Amino acid sequence: MKASLIFTVIGLAVAGFGAWLLLRAHRKVEGRPVIQGQVIERIPVRGSKGGTSYKLRVAYRDPAGNSGTLTTRWAQNPPAAKEGEAVQLAWIAPGEDPVLLLFSSLFGTGFVIVVFGLALATICGGFAYGPEVIRRLYLN
């Protein structure tokens, strides 16, 4: 029971960290001007298991009218957008990359961490408190 309880607390801590990542991503783009961009290239990246994922290269114009490109740091399969597709970006500041406004790029990591942490906490919490629930429901 002690180990299950420890893992429940760890799961809640992991979920809390994921929630912090989600909040940080939200705060970074909240209230920022939205600019238009277009996917100009899908860059294939070979994964460690031999599969192919794709990074996106996006062309955009900043609020001052200067053109620029953004290449995502992450790759995914299927790609988040098609080549030639219009996308929206949050303009942060000159000299700083804008943020691609897609769920996977903005909230993907934090969301996965929250789900993993909650799953760990729920499963381990069930094993920690399950015997007591069984005793109270069926053995009295």
Protein backbone atom coordinates (compact mmCIF):
# COMPACT_ATOMS: atom_id res chain seq x y z
CA MET A 1 0.00 0.00 0.00
CA LYS A 2 2.84 2.39 0.76
CA ALA A 3 4.32 2.05 -2.74
CA SER A 4 0.91 2.63 -4.35
CA LEU A 5 0.39 5.71 -2.23
CA ILE A 6 3.84 7.03 -3.17
CA PHE A 7 3.10 6.50 -6.86
CA THR A 8 -0.27 8.22 -6.45
CA VAL A 9 1.49 11.29 -5.08
CA ILE A 10 4.09 11.11 -7.88
CA GLY A 11 1.27 10.89 -10.45
CA LEU A 12 -0.41 13.96 -8.99
CA ALA A 13 2.91 15.82 -9.04
CA VAL A 14 3.46 14.86 -12.69
CA ALA A 15 -0.07 16.01 -13.54
CA GLY A 16 0.61 19.28 -11.73
CA PHE A 17 3.78 19.79 -13.76
CA GLY A 18 1.84 19.16 -16.98
CA ALA A 19 -0.82 21.65 -15.89
CA TRP A 20 1.93 24.21 -15.24
CA LEU A 21 3.26 23.62 -18.79
CA LEU A 22 -0.25 24.15 -20.19
CA LEU A 23 -0.70 27.36 -18.22
CA ARG A 24 2.74 28.62 -19.27
CA ALA A 25 1.96 27.97 -22.96
CA HIS A 26 -1.39 29.72 -22.60
CA ARG A 27 0.11 32.75 -20.88
CA LYS A 28 2.83 33.04 -23.54
CA VAL A 29 0.29 33.57 -26.32
CA GLU A 30 -2.60 35.12 -24.42
CA GLY A 31 -3.39 38.58 -25.75
CA ARG A 32 -0.65 38.49 -28.41
CA PRO A 33 -1.40 39.66 -31.94
CA VAL A 34 -2.30 36.87 -34.35
CA ILE A 35 -0.50 36.87 -37.68
CA GLN A 36 -1.13 34.75 -40.76
CA GLY A 37 1.34 32.25 -42.12
CA GLN A 38 1.51 29.56 -44.74
CA VAL A 39 3.14 26.14 -44.60
CA ILE A 40 5.78 26.22 -47.33
CA GLU A 41 7.48 22.90 -46.64
CA ARG A 42 7.08 19.67 -44.72
CA ILE A 43 10.55 18.52 -43.71
CA PRO A 44 10.81 14.72 -43.34
CA VAL A 45 12.67 13.50 -40.25
CA ARG A 46 13.68 9.88 -39.72
CA GLY A 47 12.73 8.52 -36.32
CA SER A 48 14.83 6.12 -34.28
CA LYS A 49 12.50 3.26 -35.24
CA GLY A 50 12.72 4.03 -38.95
CA GLY A 51 9.41 5.88 -39.35
CA THR A 52 9.12 9.30 -40.94
CA SER A 53 7.72 12.32 -39.13
CA TYR A 54 7.46 15.86 -40.46
CA LYS A 55 8.55 19.27 -39.23
CA LEU A 56 6.80 22.30 -40.68
CA ARG A 57 8.42 25.34 -42.24
CA VAL A 58 6.04 28.29 -42.13
CA ALA A 59 6.42 31.63 -43.94
CA TYR A 60 4.86 34.67 -42.28
CA ARG A 61 4.84 38.46 -42.16
CA ASP A 62 5.29 40.12 -38.78
CA PRO A 63 3.15 43.11 -37.72
CA ALA A 64 5.80 45.48 -39.15
CA GLY A 65 5.49 43.79 -42.57
CA ASN A 66 8.85 41.96 -42.49
CA SER A 67 8.82 38.42 -43.82
CA GLY A 68 10.23 35.51 -41.88
CA THR A 69 10.12 31.74 -41.59
CA LEU A 70 9.58 29.44 -38.66
CA THR A 71 10.64 25.81 -38.55
CA THR A 72 8.96 23.78 -35.83
CA ARG A 73 11.26 22.10 -33.32
CA TRP A 74 9.04 19.04 -33.14
CA ALA A 75 8.11 16.54 -35.81
CA GLN A 76 4.96 14.48 -35.98
CA ASN A 77 3.20 11.93 -38.12
CA PRO A 78 0.69 12.69 -39.51
CA PRO A 79 1.86 16.27 -40.10
CA ALA A 80 -0.01 19.01 -38.26
CA ALA A 81 -0.74 20.87 -41.52
CA LYS A 82 -0.52 20.33 -45.27
CA GLU A 83 1.91 22.12 -47.54
CA GLY A 84 0.28 25.34 -48.77
CA GLU A 85 -2.17 25.40 -45.85
CA ALA A 86 -2.79 28.72 -44.10
CA VAL A 87 -1.94 28.72 -40.39
CA GLN A 88 -2.07 31.28 -37.63
CA LEU A 89 0.77 32.29 -35.36
CA ALA A 90 0.95 34.36 -32.19
CA TRP A 91 3.46 37.19 -32.57
CA ILE A 92 5.61 37.34 -29.43
CA ALA A 93 8.29 40.02 -29.97
CA PRO A 94 10.96 41.06 -32.47
CA GLY A 95 13.88 38.65 -32.35
CA GLU A 96 11.73 35.90 -30.87
CA ASP A 97 10.04 33.16 -32.90
CA PRO A 98 6.26 33.41 -33.19
CA VAL A 99 4.23 30.51 -31.81
CA LEU A 100 2.28 28.28 -34.17
CA LEU A 101 -1.34 28.21 -32.99
CA LEU A 102 -2.02 24.51 -33.35
CA PHE A 103 -3.09 22.36 -30.40
CA SER A 104 -0.25 19.91 -30.89
CA SER A 105 2.44 22.57 -30.96
CA LEU A 106 1.03 24.72 -28.18
CA PHE A 107 -0.44 22.24 -25.70
CA GLY A 108 0.65 18.77 -26.88
CA THR A 109 3.44 18.11 -24.40
CA GLY A 110 1.62 19.49 -21.37
CA PHE A 111 -1.57 17.62 -22.26
CA VAL A 112 0.22 14.27 -22.56
CA ILE A 113 2.01 14.82 -19.23
CA VAL A 114 -1.26 15.72 -17.45
CA VAL A 115 -3.01 12.62 -18.85
CA PHE A 116 -0.07 10.37 -17.89
CA GLY A 117 0.10 11.81 -14.36
CA LEU A 118 -3.65 11.46 -13.80
CA ALA A 119 -3.61 7.89 -15.12
CA LEU A 120 -0.74 7.00 -12.79
CA ALA A 121 -2.47 8.62 -9.82
CA THR A 122 -5.81 6.96 -10.58
CA ILE A 123 -4.39 3.47 -11.06
CA CYS A 124 -2.09 3.61 -8.05
CA GLY A 125 -4.76 5.28 -5.93
CA GLY A 126 -7.13 2.46 -6.81
CA PHE A 127 -4.62 -0.11 -5.68
CA ALA A 128 -3.85 1.87 -2.52
CA TYR A 129 -7.48 2.38 -1.43
CA GLY A 130 -9.19 -0.46 -3.31
CA PRO A 131 -8.79 -3.06 -0.55
CA GLU A 132 -10.43 -0.71 1.96
CA VAL A 133 -13.32 -0.06 -0.44
CA ILE A 134 -13.80 -3.81 -0.95
CA ARG A 135 -13.70 -4.39 2.82
CA ARG A 136 -16.33 -1.70 3.49
CA LEU A 137 -18.66 -2.68 0.65
CA TYR A 138 -18.58 -6.45 0.75
CA LEU A 139 -16.99 -7.78 3.91
CA ASN A 140 -19.05 -6.10 6.62
